[in-house]
Amino acid sequence: MTDLAQTKGRRRSIWMPLLVLITLAACATAGYSYWRMQQHPASVQADKPVPPPAPVFFALDTFTVNLGDADRVLYVGITLRLKDDATRQRLSEFLPEVRSRLLLLFSRQDAAALATDEGKQKLVEAIKNTLAPPLVAGQPQQVVSDVLYTAFILR
């Protein structure tokens, strides 16, 4: 056998195991990448914060009320931010009682106190407390998250 034939035989014997190793490495890399991609979406979904539920609002018609001192008038429009849609349904069903409670509350207010920001914030808390008790015995309390003024005129 000549030297040329011996070197060709060695090259062939070296290339075959080398190609097998490269193929195995490529398959291992592809398998690992596939496994990693399958694991990634689960961790991404777990890390994403859950979006907050859509707010539930209940707009009330404006109120015009004579204040405790008879020469002053309060014109106020409010929108209630509620806990859930069931609370909005209850308030809608018992709207006359809701309006009555609020009218009584507004008529007891003092004009000088309502002229300040602190007085308006106290009125928000008073509205929440006024609407919190059940409208009818056996029903749950109303949870009013916030009271938003849509109109506020004090004359």
N, C-alpha and C. Protein backbone atom coordinates (compact mmCIF):
# COMPACT_ATOMS: atom_id res chain seq x y z
N MET A 1 0.84 -1.16 0.00
CA MET A 1 0.00 0.00 0.00
C MET A 1 0.89 1.23 0.00
N THR A 2 0.47 2.23 -0.77
CA THR A 2 1.28 3.43 -0.90
C THR A 2 0.94 4.40 0.22
N ASP A 3 1.76 5.40 0.36
CA ASP A 3 1.53 6.41 1.39
C ASP A 3 0.24 7.18 1.15
N LEU A 4 -0.07 7.40 -0.11
CA LEU A 4 -1.29 8.13 -0.47
C LEU A 4 -2.53 7.35 -0.06
N ALA A 5 -2.52 6.07 -0.24
CA ALA A 5 -3.65 5.24 0.15
C ALA A 5 -3.80 5.21 1.66
N GLN A 6 -2.70 5.23 2.38
CA GLN A 6 -2.78 5.22 3.83
C GLN A 6 -3.36 6.53 4.38
N THR A 7 -2.98 7.64 3.82
CA THR A 7 -3.49 8.93 4.30
C THR A 7 -4.97 9.09 3.98
N LYS A 8 -5.44 8.59 2.84
CA LYS A 8 -6.87 8.65 2.50
C LYS A 8 -7.67 7.79 3.48
N GLY A 9 -7.17 6.68 3.85
CA GLY A 9 -7.84 5.81 4.80
C GLY A 9 -7.95 6.45 6.17
N ARG A 10 -6.89 7.15 6.58
CA ARG A 10 -6.93 7.83 7.87
C ARG A 10 -7.93 8.99 7.84
N ARG A 11 -7.95 9.72 6.75
CA ARG A 11 -8.88 10.85 6.65
C ARG A 11 -10.32 10.36 6.76
N ARG A 12 -10.60 9.26 6.06
CA ARG A 12 -11.95 8.72 6.12
C ARG A 12 -12.27 8.24 7.53
N SER A 13 -11.34 7.64 8.17
CA SER A 13 -11.59 7.12 9.51
C SER A 13 -11.73 8.28 10.51
N ILE A 14 -11.11 9.42 10.28
CA ILE A 14 -11.25 10.57 11.17
C ILE A 14 -12.57 11.30 10.90
N TRP A 15 -12.95 11.44 9.65
CA TRP A 15 -14.17 12.19 9.29
C TRP A 15 -15.44 11.52 9.79
N MET A 16 -15.51 10.27 9.76
CA MET A 16 -16.73 9.58 10.15
C MET A 16 -17.07 9.82 11.63
N PRO A 17 -16.18 9.58 12.57
CA PRO A 17 -16.52 9.86 13.98
C PRO A 17 -16.74 11.36 14.22
N LEU A 18 -16.00 12.21 13.52
CA LEU A 18 -16.16 13.66 13.68
C LEU A 18 -17.56 14.09 13.24
N LEU A 19 -18.04 13.59 12.12
CA LEU A 19 -19.39 13.91 11.65
C LEU A 19 -20.45 13.37 12.61
N VAL A 20 -20.23 12.22 13.17
CA VAL A 20 -21.16 11.65 14.14
C VAL A 20 -21.22 12.54 15.38
N LEU A 21 -20.07 13.00 15.87
CA LEU A 21 -20.04 13.89 17.04
C LEU A 21 -20.73 15.23 16.76
N ILE A 22 -20.49 15.81 15.61
CA ILE A 22 -21.14 17.07 15.24
C ILE A 22 -22.65 16.88 15.16
N THR A 23 -23.09 15.79 14.58
CA THR A 23 -24.53 15.51 14.47
C THR A 23 -25.14 15.33 15.85
N LEU A 24 -24.48 14.61 16.73
CA LEU A 24 -24.99 14.42 18.09
C LEU A 24 -25.05 15.75 18.85
N ALA A 25 -24.04 16.60 18.68
CA ALA A 25 -24.02 17.90 19.35
C ALA A 25 -25.16 18.78 18.83
N ALA A 26 -25.39 18.77 17.53
CA ALA A 26 -26.48 19.55 16.95
C ALA A 26 -27.84 19.05 17.44
N CYS A 27 -28.02 17.75 17.52
CA CYS A 27 -29.28 17.19 18.02
C CYS A 27 -29.49 17.53 19.49
N ALA A 28 -28.42 17.46 20.27
CA ALA A 28 -28.52 17.80 21.69
C ALA A 28 -28.88 19.27 21.87
N THR A 29 -28.26 20.14 21.09
CA THR A 29 -28.56 21.57 21.16
C THR A 29 -30.00 21.85 20.75
N ALA A 30 -30.46 21.21 19.71
CA ALA A 30 -31.84 21.40 19.26
C ALA A 30 -32.82 20.89 20.31
N GLY A 31 -32.52 19.75 20.90
CA GLY A 31 -33.40 19.20 21.94
C GLY A 31 -33.46 20.11 23.16
N TYR A 32 -32.32 20.62 23.58
CA TYR A 32 -32.28 21.52 24.73
C TYR A 32 -33.05 22.82 24.43
N SER A 33 -32.86 23.34 23.23
CA SER A 33 -33.57 24.57 22.85
C SER A 33 -35.08 24.35 22.83
N TYR A 34 -35.52 23.23 22.29
CA TYR A 34 -36.94 22.92 22.27
C TYR A 34 -37.49 22.80 23.69
N TRP A 35 -36.78 22.11 24.56
CA TRP A 35 -37.22 21.95 25.96
C TRP A 35 -37.27 23.31 26.65
N ARG A 36 -36.29 24.15 26.42
CA ARG A 36 -36.23 25.48 27.05
C ARG A 36 -37.40 26.35 26.56
N MET A 37 -37.73 26.26 25.29
CA MET A 37 -38.85 27.06 24.76
C MET A 37 -40.18 26.58 25.33
N GLN A 38 -40.30 25.30 25.60
CA GLN A 38 -41.52 24.77 26.19
C GLN A 38 -41.66 25.22 27.65
N GLN A 39 -40.57 25.39 28.35
CA GLN A 39 -40.59 25.82 29.75
C GLN A 39 -40.78 27.32 29.87
N HIS A 40 -40.34 28.08 28.92
CA HIS A 40 -40.36 29.55 28.99
C HIS A 40 -41.76 30.15 29.04
N PRO A 41 -42.74 29.75 28.22
CA PRO A 41 -44.06 30.40 28.29
C PRO A 41 -44.74 30.23 29.64
N ALA A 42 -44.56 29.13 30.31
CA ALA A 42 -45.20 28.93 31.61
C ALA A 42 -44.64 29.93 32.62
N SER A 43 -43.34 30.13 32.60
CA SER A 43 -42.75 31.07 33.56
C SER A 43 -43.10 32.51 33.20
N VAL A 44 -43.23 32.82 31.92
CA VAL A 44 -43.60 34.17 31.51
C VAL A 44 -45.03 34.48 31.94
N GLN A 45 -45.94 33.52 31.78
CA GLN A 45 -47.32 33.73 32.17
C GLN A 45 -47.44 33.88 33.68
N ALA A 46 -46.64 33.16 34.43
CA ALA A 46 -46.69 33.26 35.88
C ALA A 46 -46.14 34.60 36.36
N ASP A 47 -45.19 35.16 35.64
CA ASP A 47 -44.58 36.42 36.03
C ASP A 47 -45.43 37.63 35.66
N LYS A 48 -46.27 37.51 34.66
CA LYS A 48 -47.09 38.65 34.24
C LYS A 48 -48.13 38.95 35.30
N PRO A 49 -48.25 40.22 35.67
CA PRO A 49 -49.29 40.57 36.65
C PRO A 49 -50.68 40.46 36.02
N VAL A 50 -51.62 40.08 36.83
CA VAL A 50 -52.99 39.96 36.37
C VAL A 50 -53.56 41.38 36.25
N PRO A 51 -54.12 41.73 35.10
CA PRO A 51 -54.65 43.09 34.97
C PRO A 51 -55.83 43.28 35.92
N PRO A 52 -55.96 44.48 36.46
CA PRO A 52 -57.07 44.72 37.38
C PRO A 52 -58.40 44.64 36.64
N PRO A 53 -59.44 44.28 37.35
CA PRO A 53 -60.74 44.20 36.70
C PRO A 53 -61.20 45.59 36.27
N ALA A 54 -62.04 45.60 35.27
CA ALA A 54 -62.56 46.88 34.77
C ALA A 54 -63.37 47.56 35.88
N PRO A 55 -63.23 48.87 36.01
CA PRO A 55 -63.97 49.56 37.08
C PRO A 55 -65.47 49.53 36.82
N VAL A 56 -66.22 49.53 37.89
CA VAL A 56 -67.67 49.54 37.81
C VAL A 56 -68.13 50.90 38.35
N PHE A 57 -68.74 51.69 37.48
CA PHE A 57 -69.20 53.01 37.85
C PHE A 57 -70.72 53.05 37.86
N PHE A 58 -71.26 53.91 38.72
CA PHE A 58 -72.70 54.12 38.78
C PHE A 58 -72.93 55.63 38.89
N ALA A 59 -73.37 56.22 37.79
CA ALA A 59 -73.60 57.67 37.75
C ALA A 59 -74.99 57.98 38.29
N LEU A 60 -75.06 58.99 39.15
CA LEU A 60 -76.33 59.44 39.69
C LEU A 60 -76.66 60.80 39.09
N ASP A 61 -77.97 61.07 38.94
CA ASP A 61 -78.37 62.39 38.48
C ASP A 61 -77.92 63.44 39.49
N THR A 62 -77.80 64.67 39.03
CA THR A 62 -77.34 65.73 39.93
C THR A 62 -78.38 66.03 41.00
N PHE A 63 -77.89 66.50 42.12
CA PHE A 63 -78.73 66.86 43.27
C PHE A 63 -78.68 68.37 43.44
N THR A 64 -79.84 68.98 43.68
CA THR A 64 -79.92 70.39 44.05
C THR A 64 -80.59 70.44 45.41
N VAL A 65 -79.85 70.93 46.41
CA VAL A 65 -80.31 70.83 47.78
C VAL A 65 -80.10 72.17 48.49
N ASN A 66 -81.11 72.58 49.28
CA ASN A 66 -80.92 73.71 50.20
C ASN A 66 -80.11 73.19 51.37
N LEU A 67 -79.06 73.92 51.71
CA LEU A 67 -78.22 73.49 52.83
C LEU A 67 -78.85 73.91 54.14
N GLY A 68 -78.23 73.48 55.25
CA GLY A 68 -78.75 73.76 56.59
C GLY A 68 -79.08 75.23 56.78
N ASP A 69 -78.19 76.11 56.34
CA ASP A 69 -78.52 77.53 56.36
C ASP A 69 -79.27 77.83 55.06
N ALA A 70 -80.53 78.21 55.15
CA ALA A 70 -81.49 78.21 54.04
C ALA A 70 -81.10 79.08 52.85
N ASP A 71 -80.19 80.02 53.02
CA ASP A 71 -79.87 80.89 51.89
C ASP A 71 -78.79 80.31 50.98
N ARG A 72 -78.28 79.13 51.27
CA ARG A 72 -77.25 78.50 50.44
C ARG A 72 -77.82 77.26 49.74
N VAL A 73 -77.35 77.05 48.50
CA VAL A 73 -77.81 75.92 47.69
C VAL A 73 -76.59 75.14 47.22
N LEU A 74 -76.70 73.83 47.26
CA LEU A 74 -75.65 72.93 46.77
C LEU A 74 -76.18 72.21 45.55
N TYR A 75 -75.42 72.30 44.46
CA TYR A 75 -75.72 71.58 43.22
C TYR A 75 -74.54 70.62 43.04
N VAL A 76 -74.80 69.32 43.18
CA VAL A 76 -73.70 68.35 43.13
C VAL A 76 -74.09 67.15 42.28
N GLY A 77 -73.16 66.73 41.46
CA GLY A 77 -73.30 65.51 40.67
C GLY A 77 -72.22 64.55 41.09
N ILE A 78 -72.56 63.30 41.29
CA ILE A 78 -71.58 62.31 41.72
C ILE A 78 -71.68 61.03 40.90
N THR A 79 -70.56 60.36 40.82
CA THR A 79 -70.48 59.02 40.23
C THR A 79 -69.81 58.13 41.26
N LEU A 80 -70.38 56.97 41.49
CA LEU A 80 -69.85 56.04 42.48
C LEU A 80 -69.01 54.98 41.79
N ARG A 81 -67.83 54.70 42.35
CA ARG A 81 -67.02 53.57 41.89
C ARG A 81 -67.33 52.43 42.84
N LEU A 82 -67.82 51.32 42.28
CA LEU A 82 -68.32 50.20 43.09
C LEU A 82 -67.40 48.99 43.00
N LYS A 83 -67.60 48.08 43.93
CA LYS A 83 -66.80 46.86 44.01
C LYS A 83 -67.08 45.92 42.84
N ASP A 84 -68.37 45.72 42.53
CA ASP A 84 -68.73 44.76 41.49
C ASP A 84 -70.05 45.15 40.85
N ASP A 85 -70.40 44.40 39.83
CA ASP A 85 -71.62 44.68 39.08
C ASP A 85 -72.87 44.35 39.89
N ALA A 86 -72.77 43.41 40.82
CA ALA A 86 -73.93 43.06 41.65
C ALA A 86 -74.32 44.25 42.52
N THR A 87 -73.34 44.99 43.02
CA THR A 87 -73.63 46.18 43.82
C THR A 87 -74.31 47.25 42.96
N ARG A 88 -73.84 47.40 41.72
CA ARG A 88 -74.48 48.37 40.82
C ARG A 88 -75.93 47.98 40.57
N GLN A 89 -76.19 46.70 40.40
CA GLN A 89 -77.55 46.22 40.16
C GLN A 89 -78.44 46.51 41.37
N ARG A 90 -77.92 46.26 42.57
CA ARG A 90 -78.70 46.55 43.80
C ARG A 90 -79.00 48.03 43.92
N LEU A 91 -78.01 48.87 43.69
CA LEU A 91 -78.23 50.31 43.79
C LEU A 91 -79.23 50.79 42.75
N SER A 92 -79.18 50.20 41.58
CA SER A 92 -80.12 50.57 40.52
C SER A 92 -81.54 50.17 40.89
N GLU A 93 -81.71 48.99 41.49
CA GLU A 93 -83.04 48.52 41.88
C GLU A 93 -83.65 49.37 42.99
N PHE A 94 -82.81 49.85 43.90
CA PHE A 94 -83.28 50.64 45.04
C PHE A 94 -82.87 52.11 44.91
N LEU A 95 -82.88 52.62 43.69
CA LEU A 95 -82.44 53.99 43.42
C LEU A 95 -83.20 55.05 44.22
N PRO A 96 -84.51 54.95 44.38
CA PRO A 96 -85.20 55.98 45.19
C PRO A 96 -84.68 56.05 46.63
N GLU A 97 -84.39 54.91 47.23
CA GLU A 97 -83.86 54.93 48.59
C GLU A 97 -82.44 55.50 48.62
N VAL A 98 -81.64 55.17 47.62
CA VAL A 98 -80.28 55.70 47.53
C VAL A 98 -80.33 57.22 47.43
N ARG A 99 -81.18 57.73 46.53
CA ARG A 99 -81.29 59.19 46.37
C ARG A 99 -81.81 59.84 47.64
N SER A 100 -82.75 59.20 48.32
CA SER A 100 -83.29 59.75 49.56
C SER A 100 -82.20 59.87 50.63
N ARG A 101 -81.41 58.82 50.79
CA ARG A 101 -80.32 58.86 51.76
C ARG A 101 -79.35 60.00 51.46
N LEU A 102 -79.03 60.14 50.17
CA LEU A 102 -78.07 61.18 49.80
C LEU A 102 -78.66 62.58 49.96
N LEU A 103 -79.93 62.76 49.61
CA LEU A 103 -80.55 64.07 49.79
C LEU A 103 -80.56 64.48 51.25
N LEU A 104 -80.88 63.55 52.14
CA LEU A 104 -80.85 63.86 53.57
C LEU A 104 -79.44 64.21 54.04
N LEU A 105 -78.47 63.49 53.53
CA LEU A 105 -77.09 63.78 53.90
C LEU A 105 -76.67 65.16 53.40
N PHE A 106 -76.98 65.47 52.15
CA PHE A 106 -76.58 66.76 51.58
C PHE A 106 -77.26 67.93 52.28
N SER A 107 -78.51 67.75 52.66
CA SER A 107 -79.23 68.85 53.29
C SER A 107 -78.69 69.17 54.69
N ARG A 108 -77.98 68.26 55.32
CA ARG A 108 -77.41 68.50 56.66
C ARG A 108 -76.05 69.16 56.60
N GLN A 109 -75.50 69.38 55.42
CA GLN A 109 -74.15 69.91 55.30
C GLN A 109 -74.10 71.41 55.58
N ASP A 110 -72.90 71.87 55.93
CA ASP A 110 -72.66 73.27 56.21
C ASP A 110 -71.89 73.87 55.03
N ALA A 111 -72.34 75.01 54.53
CA ALA A 111 -71.73 75.63 53.35
C ALA A 111 -70.28 76.01 53.59
N ALA A 112 -69.96 76.51 54.76
CA ALA A 112 -68.58 76.92 55.04
C ALA A 112 -67.64 75.71 55.00
N ALA A 113 -68.08 74.59 55.49
CA ALA A 113 -67.24 73.38 55.48
C ALA A 113 -67.06 72.86 54.06
N LEU A 114 -68.10 72.92 53.24
CA LEU A 114 -68.02 72.40 51.88
C LEU A 114 -67.18 73.28 50.96
N ALA A 115 -66.91 74.50 51.38
CA ALA A 115 -66.12 75.40 50.55
C ALA A 115 -64.64 75.01 50.53
N THR A 116 -64.21 74.18 51.47
CA THR A 116 -62.80 73.76 51.53
C THR A 116 -62.64 72.36 50.92
N ASP A 117 -61.41 72.06 50.53
CA ASP A 117 -61.12 70.71 50.00
C ASP A 117 -61.31 69.65 51.07
N GLU A 118 -60.94 69.98 52.29
CA GLU A 118 -61.11 69.03 53.39
C GLU A 118 -62.59 68.71 53.62
N GLY A 119 -63.44 69.72 53.49
CA GLY A 119 -64.87 69.50 53.64
C GLY A 119 -65.43 68.61 52.54
N LYS A 120 -64.92 68.77 51.33
CA LYS A 120 -65.36 67.92 50.21
C LYS A 120 -64.93 66.47 50.44
N GLN A 121 -63.71 66.28 50.96
CA GLN A 121 -63.24 64.92 51.25
C GLN A 121 -64.05 64.28 52.38
N LYS A 122 -64.42 65.08 53.37
CA LYS A 122 -65.26 64.55 54.45
C LYS A 122 -66.64 64.17 53.91
N LEU A 123 -67.13 64.93 52.94
CA LEU A 123 -68.42 64.59 52.32
C LEU A 123 -68.31 63.26 51.56
N VAL A 124 -67.18 63.02 50.91
CA VAL A 124 -66.97 61.74 50.21
C VAL A 124 -67.06 60.60 51.21
N GLU A 125 -66.39 60.72 52.35
CA GLU A 125 -66.44 59.67 53.38
C GLU A 125 -67.86 59.51 53.93
N ALA A 126 -68.56 60.63 54.10
CA ALA A 126 -69.93 60.56 54.60
C ALA A 126 -70.84 59.85 53.59
N ILE A 127 -70.63 60.08 52.31
CA ILE A 127 -71.43 59.41 51.27
C ILE A 127 -71.17 57.90 51.33
N LYS A 128 -69.91 57.51 51.45
CA LYS A 128 -69.58 56.07 51.54
C LYS A 128 -70.26 55.44 52.75
N ASN A 129 -70.20 56.14 53.89
CA ASN A 129 -70.81 55.60 55.11
C ASN A 129 -72.33 55.56 55.02
N THR A 130 -72.92 56.52 54.32
CA THR A 130 -74.38 56.57 54.18
C THR A 130 -74.89 55.45 53.29
N LEU A 131 -74.14 55.11 52.26
CA LEU A 131 -74.58 54.08 51.32
C LEU A 131 -74.16 52.67 51.73
N ALA A 132 -73.29 52.54 52.71
CA ALA A 132 -72.77 51.22 53.10
C ALA A 132 -73.81 50.29 53.70
N PRO A 133 -74.71 50.75 54.58
CA PRO A 133 -75.67 49.80 55.17
C PRO A 133 -76.57 49.17 54.10
N PRO A 134 -77.01 47.94 54.36
CA PRO A 134 -77.89 47.27 53.39
C PRO A 134 -79.15 48.08 53.13
N LEU A 135 -79.60 48.04 51.89
CA LEU A 135 -80.80 48.78 51.52
C LEU A 135 -82.05 48.06 52.02
N VAL A 136 -82.00 46.73 52.09
CA VAL A 136 -83.09 45.91 52.58
C VAL A 136 -82.47 44.85 53.49
N ALA A 137 -83.19 44.48 54.52
CA ALA A 137 -82.68 43.47 55.44
C ALA A 137 -82.38 42.18 54.68
N GLY A 138 -81.25 41.58 55.01
CA GLY A 138 -80.87 40.32 54.37
C GLY A 138 -79.93 40.50 53.19
N GLN A 139 -79.74 41.72 52.73
CA GLN A 139 -78.81 41.96 51.63
C GLN A 139 -77.45 42.32 52.19
N PRO A 140 -76.40 42.11 51.41
CA PRO A 140 -75.07 42.49 51.89
C PRO A 140 -74.90 44.01 51.85
N GLN A 141 -73.86 44.48 52.51
CA GLN A 141 -73.57 45.90 52.49
C GLN A 141 -73.05 46.31 51.11
N GLN A 142 -73.27 47.57 50.78
CA GLN A 142 -72.74 48.11 49.53
C GLN A 142 -71.30 48.55 49.80
N VAL A 143 -70.41 48.17 48.92
CA VAL A 143 -69.02 48.61 49.03
C VAL A 143 -68.80 49.67 47.96
N VAL A 144 -68.69 50.91 48.40
CA VAL A 144 -68.41 52.03 47.49
C VAL A 144 -66.92 52.33 47.62
N SER A 145 -66.18 52.05 46.56
CA SER A 145 -64.74 52.25 46.59
C SER A 145 -64.36 53.72 46.59
N ASP A 146 -65.08 54.50 45.80
CA ASP A 146 -64.74 55.91 45.69
C ASP A 146 -65.98 56.68 45.25
N VAL A 147 -65.97 57.96 45.55
CA VAL A 147 -67.03 58.88 45.11
C VAL A 147 -66.36 59.95 44.28
N LEU A 148 -66.80 60.10 43.06
CA LEU A 148 -66.21 61.07 42.14
C LEU A 148 -67.21 62.19 41.89
N TYR A 149 -66.77 63.42 42.07
CA TYR A 149 -67.62 64.57 41.80
C TYR A 149 -67.63 64.85 40.30
N THR A 150 -68.81 64.97 39.73
CA THR A 150 -68.92 65.35 38.33
C THR A 150 -69.42 66.77 38.18
N ALA A 151 -70.02 67.29 39.24
CA ALA A 151 -70.43 68.70 39.29
C ALA A 151 -70.46 69.10 40.75
N PHE A 152 -70.03 70.34 41.02
CA PHE A 152 -70.05 70.81 42.41
C PHE A 152 -70.14 72.34 42.39
N ILE A 153 -71.34 72.83 42.67
CA ILE A 153 -71.57 74.27 42.71
C ILE A 153 -72.19 74.58 44.05
N LEU A 154 -71.61 75.56 44.74
CA LEU A 154 -72.08 75.97 46.05
C LEU A 154 -72.44 77.45 45.94
N ARG A 155 -73.74 77.78 46.11
CA ARG A 155 -74.18 79.18 46.00
C ARG A 155 -74.74 79.65 47.29
